[in-house]
Protein backbone atom coordinates (compact mmCIF):
# COMPACT_ATOMS: atom_id res chain seq x y z
CA MET A 1 57.56 -28.90 -21.82
CA ASN A 2 55.75 -32.04 -20.77
CA THR A 3 56.02 -34.85 -23.31
CA PRO A 4 53.50 -37.67 -23.24
CA HIS A 5 55.01 -40.96 -22.20
CA LYS A 6 55.37 -43.76 -24.61
CA PRO A 7 52.98 -46.63 -23.87
CA ILE A 8 54.60 -49.72 -22.41
CA HIS A 9 53.77 -52.85 -24.35
CA ARG A 10 53.35 -55.81 -22.07
CA SER A 11 53.10 -59.47 -22.95
CA GLU A 12 50.05 -61.52 -22.09
CA LYS A 13 52.06 -63.22 -19.34
CA GLN A 14 52.96 -59.85 -17.80
CA ILE A 15 49.36 -58.66 -18.01
CA ARG A 16 48.07 -61.82 -16.33
CA ALA A 17 50.71 -61.42 -13.60
CA LEU A 18 49.56 -57.84 -12.95
CA LEU A 19 45.91 -58.88 -12.83
CA HIS A 20 46.77 -61.69 -10.43
CA LEU A 21 48.79 -59.30 -8.26
CA GLN A 22 45.90 -56.84 -8.02
CA GLU A 23 43.48 -59.64 -7.16
CA LYS A 24 45.86 -61.20 -4.60
CA LYS A 25 46.52 -57.90 -2.81
CA ASN A 26 42.85 -56.91 -3.14
CA THR A 27 44.00 -53.36 -3.90
CA PRO A 28 41.43 -50.86 -5.19
CA VAL A 29 41.74 -50.57 -8.97
CA ILE A 30 42.41 -46.83 -8.97
CA SER A 31 45.33 -47.00 -6.54
CA PHE A 32 46.74 -50.13 -8.22
CA CYS A 33 46.64 -48.41 -11.62
CA LYS A 34 48.41 -45.33 -10.25
CA ALA A 35 51.12 -47.48 -8.66
CA GLN A 36 51.64 -49.49 -11.87
CA LYS A 37 51.22 -46.45 -14.16
CA ILE A 38 48.32 -48.04 -16.02
CA HIS A 39 45.24 -46.19 -17.18
CA LYS A 40 42.17 -47.60 -15.44
CA ALA A 41 40.44 -48.20 -18.79
CA THR A 42 43.45 -50.25 -19.88
CA PHE A 43 43.25 -52.26 -16.66
CA TYR A 44 39.56 -53.02 -17.19
CA ASN A 45 40.18 -53.95 -20.83
CA TRP A 46 42.93 -56.33 -19.74
CA ARG A 47 40.72 -57.81 -17.06
CA ASN A 48 37.93 -58.40 -19.55
CA LYS A 49 40.29 -59.97 -22.06
CA TYR A 50 42.83 -61.86 -19.92
CA GLY A 51 41.47 -61.77 -16.42
CA LEU A 52 40.65 -64.70 -14.28
CA LYS A 53 37.00 -65.48 -14.45
CA ILE A 54 35.29 -64.45 -11.25
CA GLU A 55 33.07 -67.32 -10.30
CA LYS A 56 29.93 -66.62 -8.39
CA PRO A 57 29.11 -69.24 -5.80
CA GLN A 58 26.51 -71.63 -7.08
CA GLU A 59 24.33 -71.61 -4.02
CA PHE A 60 20.80 -72.79 -3.75
CA ILE A 61 18.42 -69.88 -3.44
CA PRO A 62 15.41 -70.91 -1.41
CA VAL A 63 12.15 -69.93 -3.04
CA HIS A 64 9.16 -69.55 -0.78
CA PHE A 65 5.83 -69.59 -2.52
CA SER A 66 3.31 -67.47 -0.79
CA ASP A 67 0.21 -68.69 0.86
CA PRO A 68 -2.66 -67.24 -1.21
CA VAL A 69 -4.66 -66.70 1.96
CA SER A 70 -2.11 -64.36 3.60
CA GLU A 71 -1.10 -62.23 0.61
CA ALA A 72 -3.40 -62.49 -2.37
CA ASN A 73 -1.10 -60.89 -4.97
CA LEU A 74 2.28 -62.30 -3.93
CA PHE A 75 3.56 -64.95 -6.34
CA ALA A 76 6.90 -65.84 -4.71
CA GLU A 77 9.44 -64.62 -2.19
CA ILE A 78 13.16 -65.30 -2.66
CA GLU A 79 15.61 -64.85 0.19
CA LEU A 80 19.04 -63.89 -1.21
CA SER A 81 20.49 -63.32 2.25
CA PRO A 82 19.01 -62.76 5.70
CA GLN A 83 18.82 -59.03 4.91
CA VAL A 84 17.66 -59.27 1.27
CA LYS A 85 14.36 -60.71 0.13
CA VAL A 86 12.87 -60.43 -3.34
CA ARG A 87 9.11 -60.50 -3.59
CA LEU A 88 7.52 -61.31 -6.93
CA PHE A 89 3.95 -60.56 -7.76
CA GLU A 90 3.96 -62.30 -11.14
CA LYS A 91 5.98 -64.81 -13.15
CA VAL A 92 9.29 -63.40 -14.43
CA ASP A 93 11.91 -64.53 -16.94
CA ALA A 94 15.14 -66.18 -15.72
CA SER A 95 17.13 -63.19 -17.06
CA TYR A 96 15.51 -61.12 -14.32
CA PHE A 97 17.19 -63.29 -11.68
CA LYS A 98 20.53 -63.11 -13.48
CA ALA A 99 20.30 -59.31 -13.37
CA LEU A 100 19.69 -59.44 -9.61
CA LEU A 101 22.78 -61.52 -8.94
């Protein structure tokens, strides 16, 4: 008969060490959780609670306002990368940009 295993209680220091190890090795979460015998939901809960804050680079995003002569309805064009451009046809809230990043 298969008995469920008893959950291992880890200290905050141990949890932070595991999170740092996963980040340092850049291992996929699923395989890291299997190797450490951690449920993936537990891992994500730990990361949300104790994890290192992932900082997004604070880069300037060039905003190109359209020339009304060339495109009458275009309000602005934002180039996120050479391959990604966002074209706006009306004013939008700042939360819209946060959702894009």
